[in-house]
């Protein structure tokens, strides 16, 4: 089952999703189980190789803050929290993708849960690249860029959409899949802006940590 799941989610993610929707539940790992399995494996590899989320993000090309600055402490605290709550963070991303799929693939007449199958599969499958990034960082001191992972996610999900959503032409479904990803990132930045606004309103000292002059 596992080799077949890996193969088909690589070569035909939309078809594998369709088979699962059609009731073939013994051919593949379930989407939620697969999603959490790969994330758990990712966390296990990070722990075994003693790589933190902050180290990985820096290796992917995100510029570090000035040592000793308020932003450095803020970033360190943020990455520490993300590292400790990776499964929760990843899971909370799913509804935004599914909402985007509901908006851009209305003609397909799938419900929220049915749209989520491809999202779970795609998000979990691309996580293998994160595992590879951790391994290359540990062995060779470098890692693939952050934008490479984003591009891979967009490409894999959109490719799956071109196979799954038969109510649309393949090229149209692919483009709509790209827009689902754009929708997700817009929602992500809105949520982040609201969260920072709430933090500033409830804790004025928070402004001193993120103020650019601290760099």
C-alpha atoms as a PDB file:
ATOM      1  CA  UNK A   1       0.000   0.000   0.000  1.00  0.00           C
ATOM      2  CA  UNK A   2       2.727   2.475   0.944  1.00  0.00           C
ATOM      3  CA  UNK A   3       4.838   2.169  -2.253  1.00  0.00           C
ATOM      4  CA  UNK A   4       1.663   2.459  -4.347  1.00  0.00           C
ATOM      5  CA  UNK A   5       0.610   5.578  -2.437  1.00  0.00           C
ATOM      6  CA  UNK A   6       4.020   7.175  -2.961  1.00  0.00           C
ATOM      7  CA  UNK A   7       4.075   6.300  -6.659  1.00  0.00           C
ATOM      8  CA  UNK A   8       0.573   7.453  -7.513  1.00  0.00           C
ATOM      9  CA  UNK A   9       0.704  10.649  -5.457  1.00  0.00           C
ATOM     10  CA  UNK A  10       3.861  11.516  -7.373  1.00  0.00           C
ATOM     11  CA  UNK A  11       2.685  10.604 -10.868  1.00  0.00           C
ATOM     12  CA  UNK A  12      -1.110  11.003 -10.708  1.00  0.00           C
ATOM     13  CA  UNK A  13      -2.277  12.675  -7.491  1.00  0.00           C
ATOM     14  CA  UNK A  14      -5.653  13.630  -8.948  1.00  0.00           C
ATOM     15  CA  UNK A  15      -6.392  10.100 -10.148  1.00  0.00           C
ATOM     16  CA  UNK A  16      -5.399   8.629  -6.774  1.00  0.00           C
ATOM     17  CA  UNK A  17      -7.719  11.110  -5.078  1.00  0.00           C
ATOM     18  CA  UNK A  18     -10.550  10.190  -7.434  1.00  0.00           C
ATOM     19  CA  UNK A  19     -10.115   6.493  -6.667  1.00  0.00           C
ATOM     20  CA  UNK A  20     -10.321   7.254  -2.966  1.00  0.00           C
ATOM     21  CA  UNK A  21     -13.453   9.322  -3.560  1.00  0.00           C
ATOM     22  CA  UNK A  22     -14.921   6.388  -5.498  1.00  0.00           C
ATOM     23  CA  UNK A  23     -14.639   4.234  -2.392  1.00  0.00           C
ATOM     24  CA  UNK A  24     -11.364   2.399  -3.029  1.00  0.00           C
ATOM     25  CA  UNK A  25     -10.152   2.737   0.575  1.00  0.00           C
ATOM     26  CA  UNK A  26      -7.773  -0.252   0.665  1.00  0.00           C
ATOM     27  CA  UNK A  27      -5.539   0.737  -2.248  1.00  0.00           C
ATOM     28  CA  UNK A  28      -4.041   3.852  -0.649  1.00  0.00           C
ATOM     29  CA  UNK A  29      -3.230   5.263   2.752  1.00  0.00           C
ATOM     30  CA  UNK A  30      -6.026   7.518   3.940  1.00  0.00           C
ATOM     31  CA  UNK A  31      -5.371  11.225   3.213  1.00  0.00           C
ATOM     32  CA  UNK A  32      -5.418  12.425   6.836  1.00  0.00           C
ATOM     33  CA  UNK A  33      -3.318   9.495   8.035  1.00  0.00           C
ATOM     34  CA  UNK A  34      -0.803  10.027   5.234  1.00  0.00           C
ATOM     35  CA  UNK A  35      -0.644  13.760   5.980  1.00  0.00           C
ATOM     36  CA  UNK A  36       0.149  13.265   9.663  1.00  0.00           C
ATOM     37  CA  UNK A  37       2.480  10.328   8.984  1.00  0.00           C
ATOM     38  CA  UNK A  38       4.769  12.383   6.724  1.00  0.00           C
ATOM     39  CA  UNK A  39       4.718  15.381   9.091  1.00  0.00           C
ATOM     40  CA  UNK A  40       5.551  13.098  12.031  1.00  0.00           C
ATOM     41  CA  UNK A  41       8.401  11.599  10.015  1.00  0.00           C
ATOM     42  CA  UNK A  42       9.623  15.111   9.199  1.00  0.00           C
ATOM     43  CA  UNK A  43       9.660  16.032  12.896  1.00  0.00           C
ATOM     44  CA  UNK A  44      11.386  12.759  13.749  1.00  0.00           C
ATOM     45  CA  UNK A  45      14.135  13.419  11.191  1.00  0.00           C
ATOM     46  CA  UNK A  46      14.598  16.984  12.487  1.00  0.00           C
ATOM     47  CA  UNK A  47      14.904  15.669  16.039  1.00  0.00           C
ATOM     48  CA  UNK A  48      17.265  12.831  15.081  1.00  0.00           C
ATOM     49  CA  UNK A  49      19.561  15.196  13.141  1.00  0.00           C
ATOM     50  CA  UNK A  50      19.234  17.969  15.762  1.00  0.00           C
ATOM     51  CA  UNK A  51      17.984  20.558  13.259  1.00  0.00           C
ATOM     52  CA  UNK A  52      15.611  23.263  14.507  1.00  0.00           C
ATOM     53  CA  UNK A  53      12.924  24.986  12.467  1.00  0.00           C
ATOM     54  CA  UNK A  54      14.822  28.254  12.833  1.00  0.00           C
ATOM     55  CA  UNK A  55      18.024  26.735  11.419  1.00  0.00           C
ATOM     56  CA  UNK A  56      16.123  25.224   8.510  1.00  0.00           C
ATOM     57  CA  UNK A  57      14.370  28.480   7.609  1.00  0.00           C
ATOM     58  CA  UNK A  58      17.664  30.388   7.709  1.00  0.00           C
ATOM     59  CA  UNK A  59      19.274  27.772   5.457  1.00  0.00           C
ATOM     60  CA  UNK A  60      16.382  28.198   3.023  1.00  0.00           C
ATOM     61  CA  UNK A  61      17.333  31.822   2.469  1.00  0.00           C
ATOM     62  CA  UNK A  62      15.304  33.818   5.013  1.00  0.00           C
ATOM     63  CA  UNK A  63      17.699  36.551   6.253  1.00  0.00           C
ATOM     64  CA  UNK A  64      18.463  36.376   9.993  1.00  0.00           C
ATOM     65  CA  UNK A  65      17.905  39.248  12.382  1.00  0.00           C
ATOM     66  CA  UNK A  66      20.793  41.123  13.940  1.00  0.00           C
ATOM     67  CA  UNK A  67      22.191  39.177  16.931  1.00  0.00           C
ATOM     68  CA  UNK A  68      20.948  40.558  20.240  1.00  0.00           C
ATOM     69  CA  UNK A  69      18.071  42.509  18.686  1.00  0.00           C
ATOM     70  CA  UNK A  70      14.451  42.344  19.769  1.00  0.00           C
ATOM     71  CA  UNK A  71      13.512  40.850  16.415  1.00  0.00           C
ATOM     72  CA  UNK A  72      16.040  38.033  16.883  1.00  0.00           C
ATOM     73  CA  UNK A  73      14.394  37.067  20.178  1.00  0.00           C
ATOM     74  CA  UNK A  74      10.933  37.390  18.636  1.00  0.00           C
ATOM     75  CA  UNK A  75      11.889  35.201  15.666  1.00  0.00           C
ATOM     76  CA  UNK A  76      13.501  32.660  17.963  1.00  0.00           C
ATOM     77  CA  UNK A  77      10.366  32.465  20.122  1.00  0.00           C
ATOM     78  CA  UNK A  78       8.130  32.209  17.050  1.00  0.00           C
ATOM     79  CA  UNK A  79      10.135  29.403  15.434  1.00  0.00           C
ATOM     80  CA  UNK A  80      10.325  27.583  18.749  1.00  0.00           C
ATOM     81  CA  UNK A  81       6.535  27.681  19.032  1.00  0.00           C
ATOM     82  CA  UNK A  82       6.092  26.534  15.417  1.00  0.00           C
ATOM     83  CA  UNK A  83       8.571  23.718  15.976  1.00  0.00           C
ATOM     84  CA  UNK A  84       6.659  22.536  19.055  1.00  0.00           C
ATOM     85  CA  UNK A  85       3.276  22.784  17.325  1.00  0.00           C
ATOM     86  CA  UNK A  86       4.130  21.699  13.773  1.00  0.00           C
ATOM     87  CA  UNK A  87       1.210  19.297  13.425  1.00  0.00           C
ATOM     88  CA  UNK A  88      -1.290  21.898  14.625  1.00  0.00           C
ATOM     89  CA  UNK A  89       0.139  24.616  12.347  1.00  0.00           C
ATOM     90  CA  UNK A  90       0.059  22.320   9.315  1.00  0.00           C
ATOM     91  CA  UNK A  91      -3.477  21.153  10.086  1.00  0.00           C
ATOM     92  CA  UNK A  92      -4.783  24.721  10.504  1.00  0.00           C
ATOM     93  CA  UNK A  93      -3.586  25.519   6.972  1.00  0.00           C
ATOM     94  CA  UNK A  94      -5.916  22.940   5.424  1.00  0.00           C
ATOM     95  CA  UNK A  95      -9.270  24.803   5.768  1.00  0.00           C
ATOM     96  CA  UNK A  96      -7.963  27.796   3.806  1.00  0.00           C
ATOM     97  CA  UNK A  97      -6.954  25.561   0.903  1.00  0.00           C
ATOM     98  CA  UNK A  98     -10.282  23.730   0.993  1.00  0.00           C
ATOM     99  CA  UNK A  99     -12.241  26.984   1.088  1.00  0.00           C
ATOM    100  CA  UNK A 100     -10.292  28.119  -1.971  1.00  0.00           C
ATOM    101  CA  UNK A 101     -11.121  24.837  -3.722  1.00  0.00           C
ATOM    102  CA  UNK A 102     -14.809  25.310  -2.910  1.00  0.00           C
ATOM    103  CA  UNK A 103     -14.680  28.780  -4.467  1.00  0.00           C
ATOM    104  CA  UNK A 104     -12.693  28.000  -7.627  1.00  0.00           C
ATOM    105  CA  UNK A 105     -14.170  24.535  -8.347  1.00  0.00           C
ATOM    106  CA  UNK A 106     -17.847  25.195  -7.707  1.00  0.00           C
ATOM    107  CA  UNK A 107     -19.020  23.258 -10.780  1.00  0.00           C
ATOM    108  CA  UNK A 108     -17.509  20.023  -9.464  1.00  0.00           C
ATOM    109  CA  UNK A 109     -20.219  19.757  -6.761  1.00  0.00           C
ATOM    110  CA  UNK A 110     -17.948  18.279  -4.105  1.00  0.00           C
ATOM    111  CA  UNK A 111     -18.459  18.967  -0.436  1.00  0.00           C
ATOM    112  CA  UNK A 112     -15.891  20.375   1.985  1.00  0.00           C
ATOM    113  CA  UNK A 113     -14.604  16.955   3.064  1.00  0.00           C
ATOM    114  CA  UNK A 114     -14.301  15.687  -0.515  1.00  0.00           C
ATOM    115  CA  UNK A 115     -12.294  18.751  -1.572  1.00  0.00           C
ATOM    116  CA  UNK A 116      -9.994  18.231   1.410  1.00  0.00           C
ATOM    117  CA  UNK A 117      -8.759  14.810   0.222  1.00  0.00           C
ATOM    118  CA  UNK A 118      -6.497  16.190  -2.508  1.00  0.00           C
ATOM    119  CA  UNK A 119      -5.348  18.974  -0.163  1.00  0.00           C
ATOM    120  CA  UNK A 120      -4.324  16.498   2.541  1.00  0.00           C
ATOM    121  CA  UNK A 121      -2.600  14.249   0.026  1.00  0.00           C
ATOM    122  CA  UNK A 122      -0.752  17.100  -1.688  1.00  0.00           C
ATOM    123  CA  UNK A 123       0.289  18.875   1.504  1.00  0.00           C
ATOM    124  CA  UNK A 124       1.551  15.621   2.962  1.00  0.00           C
ATOM    125  CA  UNK A 125       3.336  14.490  -0.180  1.00  0.00           C
ATOM    126  CA  UNK A 126       5.269  17.720  -0.728  1.00  0.00           C
ATOM    127  CA  UNK A 127       6.450  17.444   2.876  1.00  0.00           C
ATOM    128  CA  UNK A 128       8.917  14.821   1.606  1.00  0.00           C
ATOM    129  CA  UNK A 129      10.870  17.733   0.122  1.00  0.00           C
ATOM    130  CA  UNK A 130      11.098  19.277   3.586  1.00  0.00           C
ATOM    131  CA  UNK A 131      12.500  16.000   4.893  1.00  0.00           C
ATOM    132  CA  UNK A 132      15.058  16.035   2.076  1.00  0.00           C
ATOM    133  CA  UNK A 133      15.910  19.652   2.928  1.00  0.00           C
ATOM    134  CA  UNK A 134      16.612  18.688   6.551  1.00  0.00           C
ATOM    135  CA  UNK A 135      18.835  15.787   5.475  1.00  0.00           C
ATOM    136  CA  UNK A 136      20.854  17.868   2.988  1.00  0.00           C
ATOM    137  CA  UNK A 137      21.268  20.609   5.597  1.00  0.00           C
ATOM    138  CA  UNK A 138      22.625  18.100   8.088  1.00  0.00           C
ATOM    139  CA  UNK A 139      24.947  16.349   5.629  1.00  0.00           C
ATOM    140  CA  UNK A 140      26.122  19.184   3.389  1.00  0.00           C
ATOM    141  CA  UNK A 141      25.316  22.403   5.253  1.00  0.00           C
ATOM    142  CA  UNK A 142      22.871  23.769   2.676  1.00  0.00           C
ATOM    143  CA  UNK A 143      19.220  23.342   1.813  1.00  0.00           C
ATOM    144  CA  UNK A 144      16.786  24.049  -0.991  1.00  0.00           C
ATOM    145  CA  UNK A 145      15.288  27.523  -1.013  1.00  0.00           C
ATOM    146  CA  UNK A 146      11.968  28.343   0.617  1.00  0.00           C
ATOM    147  CA  UNK A 147      10.506  29.432  -2.706  1.00  0.00           C
ATOM    148  CA  UNK A 148      11.441  26.046  -4.194  1.00  0.00           C
ATOM    149  CA  UNK A 149       9.164  24.340  -1.682  1.00  0.00           C
ATOM    150  CA  UNK A 150       6.359  26.828  -2.354  1.00  0.00           C
ATOM    151  CA  UNK A 151       6.699  26.291  -6.105  1.00  0.00           C
ATOM    152  CA  UNK A 152       6.645  22.513  -5.638  1.00  0.00           C
ATOM    153  CA  UNK A 153       3.482  22.753  -3.553  1.00  0.00           C
ATOM    154  CA  UNK A 154       1.717  24.933  -6.118  1.00  0.00           C
ATOM    155  CA  UNK A 155       2.807  22.695  -8.990  1.00  0.00           C
ATOM    156  CA  UNK A 156       1.844  19.410  -7.300  1.00  0.00           C
ATOM    157  CA  UNK A 157      -1.571  20.585  -6.105  1.00  0.00           C
ATOM    158  CA  UNK A 158      -2.426  22.239  -9.423  1.00  0.00           C
ATOM    159  CA  UNK A 159      -1.314  19.108 -11.306  1.00  0.00           C
ATOM    160  CA  UNK A 160      -3.645  17.074  -9.100  1.00  0.00           C
ATOM    161  CA  UNK A 161      -6.479  19.512  -9.802  1.00  0.00           C
ATOM    162  CA  UNK A 162      -5.989  19.070 -13.561  1.00  0.00           C
ATOM    163  CA  UNK A 163      -6.625  15.322 -13.110  1.00  0.00           C
ATOM    164  CA  UNK A 164      -9.345  15.411 -10.447  1.00  0.00           C
ATOM    165  CA  UNK A 165     -11.751  18.146 -11.478  1.00  0.00           C
ATOM    166  CA  UNK A 166     -13.258  16.728 -14.647  1.00  0.00           C
ATOM    167  CA  UNK A 167     -15.895  19.469 -14.862  1.00  0.00           C
ATOM    168  CA  UNK A 168     -13.104  21.726 -16.152  1.00  0.00           C
ATOM    169  CA  UNK A 169     -10.592  21.432 -18.950  1.00  0.00           C
ATOM    170  CA  UNK A 170      -7.223  20.222 -17.590  1.00  0.00           C
ATOM    171  CA  UNK A 171      -5.453  23.518 -18.254  1.00  0.00           C
ATOM    172  CA  UNK A 172      -8.309  25.458 -16.650  1.00  0.00           C
ATOM    173  CA  UNK A 173      -8.272  23.204 -13.579  1.00  0.00           C
ATOM    174  CA  UNK A 174      -4.496  23.650 -13.320  1.00  0.00           C
ATOM    175  CA  UNK A 175      -4.782  27.454 -13.399  1.00  0.00           C
ATOM    176  CA  UNK A 176      -7.618  27.337 -10.855  1.00  0.00           C
ATOM    177  CA  UNK A 177      -5.367  25.223  -8.635  1.00  0.00           C
ATOM    178  CA  UNK A 178      -2.772  27.998  -8.793  1.00  0.00           C
ATOM    179  CA  UNK A 179      -5.442  30.495  -7.737  1.00  0.00           C
ATOM    180  CA  UNK A 180      -6.370  28.261  -4.800  1.00  0.00           C
ATOM    181  CA  UNK A 181      -2.778  28.630  -3.603  1.00  0.00           C
ATOM    182  CA  UNK A 182      -2.899  32.400  -4.124  1.00  0.00           C
ATOM    183  CA  UNK A 183      -6.137  32.491  -2.130  1.00  0.00           C
ATOM    184  CA  UNK A 184      -4.439  30.572   0.681  1.00  0.00           C
ATOM    185  CA  UNK A 185      -1.522  32.996   0.914  1.00  0.00           C
ATOM    186  CA  UNK A 186      -3.833  36.000   0.897  1.00  0.00           C
ATOM    187  CA  UNK A 187      -5.791  34.441   3.777  1.00  0.00           C
ATOM    188  CA  UNK A 188      -2.537  33.613   5.546  1.00  0.00           C
ATOM    189  CA  UNK A 189      -1.274  37.205   5.430  1.00  0.00           C
ATOM    190  CA  UNK A 190      -4.664  38.535   6.524  1.00  0.00           C
ATOM    191  CA  UNK A 191      -4.703  36.205   9.524  1.00  0.00           C
ATOM    192  CA  UNK A 192      -1.103  37.126  10.366  1.00  0.00           C
ATOM    193  CA  UNK A 193      -1.907  40.857  10.154  1.00  0.00           C
ATOM    194  CA  UNK A 194      -4.923  40.445  12.422  1.00  0.00           C
ATOM    195  CA  UNK A 195      -2.883  38.378  14.882  1.00  0.00           C
ATOM    196  CA  UNK A 196      -0.119  40.995  15.005  1.00  0.00           C
ATOM    197  CA  UNK A 197      -2.730  43.726  15.436  1.00  0.00           C
ATOM    198  CA  UNK A 198      -4.266  41.888  18.387  1.00  0.00           C
ATOM    199  CA  UNK A 199      -0.809  41.323  19.887  1.00  0.00           C
ATOM    200  CA  UNK A 200      -0.001  45.023  19.584  1.00  0.00           C
ATOM    201  CA  UNK A 201      -3.327  46.010  21.139  1.00  0.00           C
ATOM    202  CA  UNK A 202      -2.964  43.662  24.105  1.00  0.00           C
ATOM    203  CA  UNK A 203       0.807  43.909  24.617  1.00  0.00           C
ATOM    204  CA  UNK A 204       2.428  47.270  23.683  1.00  0.00           C
ATOM    205  CA  UNK A 205       5.873  45.847  24.528  1.00  0.00           C
ATOM    206  CA  UNK A 206       5.449  43.586  21.510  1.00  0.00           C
ATOM    207  CA  UNK A 207       6.012  46.612  19.269  1.00  0.00           C
ATOM    208  CA  UNK A 208       9.519  47.064  20.671  1.00  0.00           C
ATOM    209  CA  UNK A 209      10.424  43.524  19.637  1.00  0.00           C
ATOM    210  CA  UNK A 210       9.368  43.858  16.022  1.00  0.00           C
ATOM    211  CA  UNK A 211      10.324  47.504  15.504  1.00  0.00           C
ATOM    212  CA  UNK A 212      12.855  47.678  12.592  1.00  0.00           C
ATOM    213  CA  UNK A 213      15.155  50.058  14.525  1.00  0.00           C
ATOM    214  CA  UNK A 214      16.106  47.166  16.816  1.00  0.00           C
ATOM    215  CA  UNK A 215      18.063  45.720  13.911  1.00  0.00           C
END
